[in-house]
């Protein structure tokens, strides 16, 4: 299915529901966050995170899925975690620069079209 299609998002949520239960109830990860096919697991111990990663990899093999090798990382939260367009830190979050630049570019296009009368202010 095309990326961004509502049905692909729906099926990702249905299909990965098993992963949610596995991570929360079997692995007992306290801080697990998932949005469609992106997820983050937080823990104080690097060894525990390595264990989670190994077990999640095994579980995903049973449903014929795998973790993205370049996006799967264990990093300290002080460095910030990139998740859903933000850089998330312990006490705050920042919009990623790429997303901010994209917004500014789109805003300037809309502003110019408004000035030229191509679109109305409404």
N, C-alpha and C. Protein backbone atom coordinates (compact mmCIF):
# COMPACT_ATOMS: atom_id res chain seq x y z
N UNK A 1 0.83 -1.18 0.00
CA UNK A 1 0.00 0.00 0.00
C UNK A 1 0.88 1.24 0.00
N UNK A 2 0.41 2.32 -0.63
CA UNK A 2 1.21 3.54 -0.65
C UNK A 2 1.43 4.07 0.76
N UNK A 3 2.63 4.62 1.00
CA UNK A 3 2.90 5.22 2.30
C UNK A 3 1.97 6.41 2.51
N UNK A 4 1.50 6.58 3.72
CA UNK A 4 0.61 7.69 4.03
C UNK A 4 -0.85 7.37 3.78
N UNK A 5 -1.13 6.28 3.12
CA UNK A 5 -2.50 5.87 2.87
C UNK A 5 -3.14 5.51 4.21
N UNK A 6 -4.39 5.93 4.42
CA UNK A 6 -5.07 5.67 5.70
C UNK A 6 -5.19 4.17 5.98
N UNK A 7 -5.39 3.37 4.94
CA UNK A 7 -5.52 1.93 5.18
C UNK A 7 -4.18 1.34 5.61
N UNK A 8 -3.06 1.87 5.09
CA UNK A 8 -1.76 1.35 5.52
C UNK A 8 -1.51 1.68 6.98
N UNK A 9 -1.94 2.87 7.41
CA UNK A 9 -1.81 3.24 8.82
C UNK A 9 -2.69 2.35 9.69
N UNK A 10 -3.90 2.11 9.23
CA UNK A 10 -4.83 1.26 9.97
C UNK A 10 -4.25 -0.15 10.13
N UNK A 11 -3.76 -0.73 9.02
CA UNK A 11 -3.24 -2.09 9.09
C UNK A 11 -1.94 -2.16 9.89
N UNK A 12 -1.14 -1.10 9.87
CA UNK A 12 0.07 -1.08 10.71
C UNK A 12 -0.34 -1.14 12.18
N UNK A 13 -1.37 -0.41 12.54
CA UNK A 13 -1.83 -0.42 13.94
C UNK A 13 -2.42 -1.78 14.32
N UNK A 14 -3.18 -2.38 13.42
CA UNK A 14 -3.76 -3.69 13.71
C UNK A 14 -2.65 -4.73 13.81
N UNK A 15 -1.75 -4.73 12.84
CA UNK A 15 -0.69 -5.74 12.77
C UNK A 15 0.28 -5.62 13.95
N UNK A 16 0.61 -4.39 14.32
CA UNK A 16 1.59 -4.18 15.39
C UNK A 16 0.98 -4.17 16.78
N UNK A 17 -0.32 -4.36 16.87
CA UNK A 17 -0.97 -4.48 18.16
C UNK A 17 -0.35 -5.62 18.97
N UNK A 18 0.01 -6.70 18.29
CA UNK A 18 0.67 -7.84 18.96
C UNK A 18 2.00 -7.42 19.57
N UNK A 19 2.72 -6.56 18.85
CA UNK A 19 4.00 -6.05 19.38
C UNK A 19 3.75 -5.25 20.65
N UNK A 20 2.71 -4.42 20.65
CA UNK A 20 2.39 -3.63 21.84
C UNK A 20 2.21 -4.53 23.06
N UNK A 21 1.40 -5.55 22.90
CA UNK A 21 1.15 -6.47 24.02
C UNK A 21 2.42 -7.20 24.44
N UNK A 22 3.21 -7.60 23.47
CA UNK A 22 4.45 -8.32 23.78
C UNK A 22 5.40 -7.43 24.59
N UNK A 23 5.61 -6.20 24.11
CA UNK A 23 6.56 -5.30 24.79
C UNK A 23 6.06 -4.91 26.18
N UNK A 24 4.77 -4.60 26.30
CA UNK A 24 4.23 -4.14 27.58
C UNK A 24 4.03 -5.28 28.58
N UNK A 25 3.53 -6.43 28.12
CA UNK A 25 3.14 -7.48 29.06
C UNK A 25 4.17 -8.60 29.22
N UNK A 26 4.88 -8.93 28.16
CA UNK A 26 5.88 -10.00 28.26
C UNK A 26 7.23 -9.43 28.68
N UNK A 27 7.68 -8.38 27.95
CA UNK A 27 8.96 -7.77 28.31
C UNK A 27 8.83 -6.80 29.49
N UNK A 28 7.61 -6.37 29.77
CA UNK A 28 7.31 -5.47 30.87
C UNK A 28 8.07 -4.13 30.78
N UNK A 29 8.15 -3.61 29.55
CA UNK A 29 8.76 -2.30 29.35
C UNK A 29 7.80 -1.24 29.84
N UNK A 30 8.24 -0.44 30.78
CA UNK A 30 7.36 0.57 31.39
C UNK A 30 7.14 1.75 30.44
N UNK A 31 8.19 2.17 29.74
CA UNK A 31 8.10 3.33 28.86
C UNK A 31 8.25 2.89 27.41
N UNK A 32 7.12 2.60 26.79
CA UNK A 32 7.05 2.15 25.40
C UNK A 32 6.03 3.04 24.70
N UNK A 33 6.44 3.66 23.61
CA UNK A 33 5.57 4.56 22.86
C UNK A 33 5.60 4.13 21.40
N UNK A 34 4.42 3.97 20.81
CA UNK A 34 4.37 3.61 19.38
C UNK A 34 3.33 4.47 18.69
N UNK A 35 3.69 4.97 17.49
CA UNK A 35 2.76 5.65 16.61
C UNK A 35 2.92 5.02 15.24
N UNK A 36 1.90 4.32 14.78
CA UNK A 36 1.87 3.56 13.53
C UNK A 36 3.06 2.60 13.52
N UNK A 37 4.12 2.89 12.74
CA UNK A 37 5.23 1.94 12.68
C UNK A 37 6.51 2.47 13.34
N UNK A 38 6.41 3.58 14.04
CA UNK A 38 7.56 4.14 14.77
C UNK A 38 7.35 3.88 16.26
N UNK A 39 8.40 3.42 16.93
CA UNK A 39 8.27 3.25 18.36
C UNK A 39 9.57 3.52 19.09
N UNK A 40 9.42 3.83 20.38
CA UNK A 40 10.55 4.14 21.25
C UNK A 40 10.34 3.36 22.55
N UNK A 41 11.43 2.79 23.06
CA UNK A 41 11.41 2.16 24.38
C UNK A 41 12.47 2.88 25.21
N UNK A 42 12.07 3.35 26.38
CA UNK A 42 13.00 4.06 27.26
C UNK A 42 13.28 3.20 28.49
N UNK A 43 14.54 3.22 28.91
CA UNK A 43 14.94 2.53 30.14
C UNK A 43 16.27 3.10 30.59
N UNK A 44 16.53 3.07 31.89
CA UNK A 44 17.78 3.60 32.44
C UNK A 44 18.99 2.74 32.07
N UNK A 45 18.77 1.43 31.93
CA UNK A 45 19.87 0.50 31.72
C UNK A 45 20.10 0.20 30.24
N UNK A 46 21.32 0.42 29.79
CA UNK A 46 21.67 0.10 28.41
C UNK A 46 21.56 -1.41 28.17
N UNK A 47 21.97 -2.20 29.14
CA UNK A 47 21.88 -3.66 29.01
C UNK A 47 20.44 -4.11 28.84
N UNK A 48 19.53 -3.49 29.59
CA UNK A 48 18.12 -3.84 29.47
C UNK A 48 17.58 -3.47 28.09
N UNK A 49 18.01 -2.33 27.57
CA UNK A 49 17.59 -1.92 26.23
C UNK A 49 18.14 -2.87 25.17
N UNK A 50 19.36 -3.33 25.36
CA UNK A 50 19.93 -4.31 24.42
C UNK A 50 19.13 -5.61 24.45
N UNK A 51 18.71 -6.00 25.65
CA UNK A 51 17.87 -7.19 25.79
C UNK A 51 16.53 -6.98 25.08
N UNK A 52 15.90 -5.81 25.31
CA UNK A 52 14.63 -5.51 24.64
C UNK A 52 14.80 -5.58 23.12
N UNK A 53 15.87 -5.00 22.62
CA UNK A 53 16.10 -4.98 21.17
C UNK A 53 16.22 -6.40 20.62
N UNK A 54 16.98 -7.23 21.32
CA UNK A 54 17.15 -8.63 20.89
C UNK A 54 15.82 -9.37 20.89
N UNK A 55 15.05 -9.20 21.94
CA UNK A 55 13.77 -9.90 22.07
C UNK A 55 12.72 -9.37 21.08
N UNK A 56 12.71 -8.08 20.86
CA UNK A 56 11.78 -7.49 19.88
C UNK A 56 12.13 -7.97 18.48
N UNK A 57 13.42 -8.05 18.18
CA UNK A 57 13.85 -8.57 16.87
C UNK A 57 13.35 -9.99 16.67
N UNK A 58 13.52 -10.83 17.69
CA UNK A 58 13.02 -12.21 17.60
C UNK A 58 11.51 -12.25 17.41
N UNK A 59 10.80 -11.42 18.18
CA UNK A 59 9.33 -11.40 18.08
C UNK A 59 8.89 -10.98 16.68
N UNK A 60 9.52 -9.94 16.15
CA UNK A 60 9.13 -9.44 14.83
C UNK A 60 9.37 -10.47 13.73
N UNK A 61 10.39 -11.30 13.91
CA UNK A 61 10.63 -12.38 12.94
C UNK A 61 9.43 -13.32 12.86
N UNK A 62 8.75 -13.53 13.99
CA UNK A 62 7.61 -14.45 14.00
C UNK A 62 6.43 -13.89 13.19
N UNK A 63 6.37 -12.55 13.04
CA UNK A 63 5.31 -11.97 12.21
C UNK A 63 5.87 -11.41 10.90
N UNK A 64 7.07 -11.90 10.54
CA UNK A 64 7.73 -11.60 9.27
C UNK A 64 8.01 -10.10 9.07
N UNK A 65 8.48 -9.48 10.13
CA UNK A 65 8.90 -8.07 10.09
C UNK A 65 10.30 -7.96 10.66
N UNK A 66 10.93 -6.82 10.43
CA UNK A 66 12.26 -6.59 11.01
C UNK A 66 12.44 -5.12 11.34
N UNK A 67 13.35 -4.85 12.26
CA UNK A 67 13.68 -3.48 12.64
C UNK A 67 14.54 -2.86 11.54
N UNK A 68 14.36 -1.58 11.31
CA UNK A 68 15.17 -0.87 10.32
C UNK A 68 16.59 -0.73 10.88
N UNK A 69 17.59 -1.29 10.19
CA UNK A 69 18.95 -1.31 10.76
C UNK A 69 19.57 0.07 11.00
N UNK A 70 19.22 1.07 10.19
CA UNK A 70 19.81 2.40 10.36
C UNK A 70 19.04 3.26 11.37
N UNK A 71 17.80 2.91 11.63
CA UNK A 71 16.99 3.71 12.55
C UNK A 71 16.91 3.12 13.95
N UNK A 72 17.43 1.92 14.12
CA UNK A 72 17.40 1.26 15.42
C UNK A 72 18.67 1.60 16.17
N UNK A 73 18.53 2.38 17.25
CA UNK A 73 19.69 2.86 17.99
C UNK A 73 19.41 2.85 19.48
N UNK A 74 20.43 2.63 20.25
CA UNK A 74 20.36 2.80 21.70
C UNK A 74 21.23 4.00 22.02
N UNK A 75 20.60 5.08 22.47
CA UNK A 75 21.32 6.31 22.74
C UNK A 75 20.86 6.91 24.07
N UNK A 76 21.73 7.68 24.73
CA UNK A 76 21.32 8.36 25.96
C UNK A 76 20.28 9.43 25.65
N UNK A 77 19.30 9.58 26.52
CA UNK A 77 18.23 10.55 26.30
C UNK A 77 18.75 11.98 26.30
N UNK A 78 19.91 12.23 26.92
CA UNK A 78 20.49 13.58 26.91
C UNK A 78 20.75 14.06 25.49
N UNK A 79 21.04 13.12 24.57
CA UNK A 79 21.32 13.48 23.17
C UNK A 79 20.03 13.74 22.40
N UNK A 80 18.92 13.34 22.95
CA UNK A 80 17.63 13.55 22.30
C UNK A 80 17.28 12.42 21.35
N UNK A 81 16.01 12.08 21.32
CA UNK A 81 15.50 11.01 20.47
C UNK A 81 14.67 11.64 19.37
N UNK A 82 14.95 11.32 18.11
CA UNK A 82 14.15 11.81 17.00
C UNK A 82 12.92 10.93 16.90
N UNK A 83 11.73 11.55 17.05
CA UNK A 83 10.48 10.80 17.02
C UNK A 83 9.36 11.70 16.53
N UNK A 84 8.72 11.32 15.45
CA UNK A 84 7.57 12.02 14.87
C UNK A 84 7.85 13.49 14.58
N UNK A 85 9.01 13.77 14.01
CA UNK A 85 9.32 15.13 13.59
C UNK A 85 9.88 16.03 14.67
N UNK A 86 10.10 15.49 15.86
CA UNK A 86 10.66 16.26 16.97
C UNK A 86 11.93 15.61 17.46
N UNK A 87 12.74 16.41 18.12
CA UNK A 87 13.89 15.92 18.86
C UNK A 87 13.45 15.98 20.32
N UNK A 88 13.23 14.83 20.93
CA UNK A 88 12.66 14.75 22.27
C UNK A 88 13.78 14.57 23.29
N UNK A 89 13.81 15.45 24.27
CA UNK A 89 14.76 15.39 25.37
C UNK A 89 14.02 15.08 26.66
N UNK A 90 14.72 14.97 27.75
CA UNK A 90 14.10 14.58 29.01
C UNK A 90 13.00 15.53 29.45
N UNK A 91 13.26 16.85 29.40
CA UNK A 91 12.29 17.82 29.91
C UNK A 91 11.65 18.71 28.83
N UNK A 92 12.03 18.53 27.58
CA UNK A 92 11.48 19.38 26.53
C UNK A 92 11.63 18.69 25.17
N UNK A 93 11.01 19.31 24.15
CA UNK A 93 11.16 18.79 22.79
C UNK A 93 11.35 19.96 21.83
N UNK A 94 12.04 19.69 20.73
CA UNK A 94 12.30 20.70 19.71
C UNK A 94 11.82 20.17 18.36
N UNK A 95 11.28 21.08 17.54
CA UNK A 95 10.93 20.71 16.19
C UNK A 95 12.23 20.49 15.40
N UNK A 96 12.28 19.41 14.62
CA UNK A 96 13.49 19.15 13.84
C UNK A 96 13.72 20.28 12.85
N UNK A 97 14.99 20.65 12.62
CA UNK A 97 15.33 21.75 11.72
C UNK A 97 14.76 21.53 10.33
N UNK A 98 14.81 20.30 9.86
CA UNK A 98 14.31 19.96 8.53
C UNK A 98 12.82 20.30 8.43
N UNK A 99 12.06 19.99 9.46
CA UNK A 99 10.63 20.28 9.46
C UNK A 99 10.36 21.78 9.55
N UNK A 100 11.18 22.49 10.31
CA UNK A 100 11.03 23.94 10.42
C UNK A 100 11.32 24.61 9.08
N UNK A 101 12.40 24.20 8.42
CA UNK A 101 12.75 24.77 7.11
C UNK A 101 11.64 24.48 6.08
N UNK A 102 11.08 23.29 6.14
CA UNK A 102 9.98 22.92 5.24
C UNK A 102 8.79 23.84 5.47
N UNK A 103 8.45 24.10 6.73
CA UNK A 103 7.34 24.99 7.07
C UNK A 103 7.60 26.40 6.52
N UNK A 104 8.79 26.94 6.75
CA UNK A 104 9.12 28.29 6.31
C UNK A 104 9.01 28.39 4.79
N UNK A 105 9.53 27.39 4.09
CA UNK A 105 9.47 27.37 2.62
C UNK A 105 8.01 27.41 2.14
N UNK A 106 7.16 26.57 2.73
CA UNK A 106 5.74 26.51 2.35
C UNK A 106 5.02 27.82 2.71
N UNK A 107 5.37 28.39 3.86
CA UNK A 107 4.76 29.63 4.30
C UNK A 107 5.07 30.76 3.32
N UNK A 108 6.32 30.85 2.87
CA UNK A 108 6.71 31.90 1.92
C UNK A 108 5.97 31.77 0.59
N UNK A 109 5.78 30.55 0.13
CA UNK A 109 5.03 30.31 -1.12
C UNK A 109 3.60 30.81 -0.95
N UNK A 110 2.95 30.44 0.15
CA UNK A 110 1.56 30.87 0.40
C UNK A 110 1.48 32.40 0.54
N UNK A 111 2.45 33.00 1.21
CA UNK A 111 2.47 34.44 1.38
C UNK A 111 2.58 35.15 0.03
N UNK A 112 3.47 34.68 -0.83
CA UNK A 112 3.64 35.28 -2.16
C UNK A 112 2.37 35.12 -3.00
N UNK A 113 1.75 33.95 -2.94
CA UNK A 113 0.50 33.74 -3.70
C UNK A 113 -0.61 34.64 -3.19
N UNK A 114 -0.63 34.91 -1.88
CA UNK A 114 -1.64 35.82 -1.30
C UNK A 114 -1.39 37.23 -1.79
N UNK A 115 -0.13 37.66 -1.79
CA UNK A 115 0.23 39.02 -2.25
C UNK A 115 -0.11 39.22 -3.73
N UNK A 116 0.07 38.16 -4.52
CA UNK A 116 -0.21 38.24 -5.96
C UNK A 116 -1.69 38.04 -6.28
N UNK A 117 -2.51 37.76 -5.26
CA UNK A 117 -3.93 37.59 -5.46
C UNK A 117 -4.33 36.21 -6.00
N UNK A 118 -3.42 35.27 -6.03
CA UNK A 118 -3.73 33.93 -6.51
C UNK A 118 -4.59 33.14 -5.52
N UNK A 119 -4.42 33.46 -4.23
CA UNK A 119 -5.26 32.84 -3.20
C UNK A 119 -5.74 33.96 -2.27
N UNK A 120 -6.91 33.74 -1.66
CA UNK A 120 -7.44 34.78 -0.76
C UNK A 120 -6.87 34.60 0.64
N UNK A 121 -6.98 35.61 1.44
CA UNK A 121 -6.49 35.54 2.81
C UNK A 121 -7.25 34.51 3.64
N UNK A 122 -8.52 34.31 3.30
CA UNK A 122 -9.31 33.30 4.01
C UNK A 122 -8.75 31.94 3.75
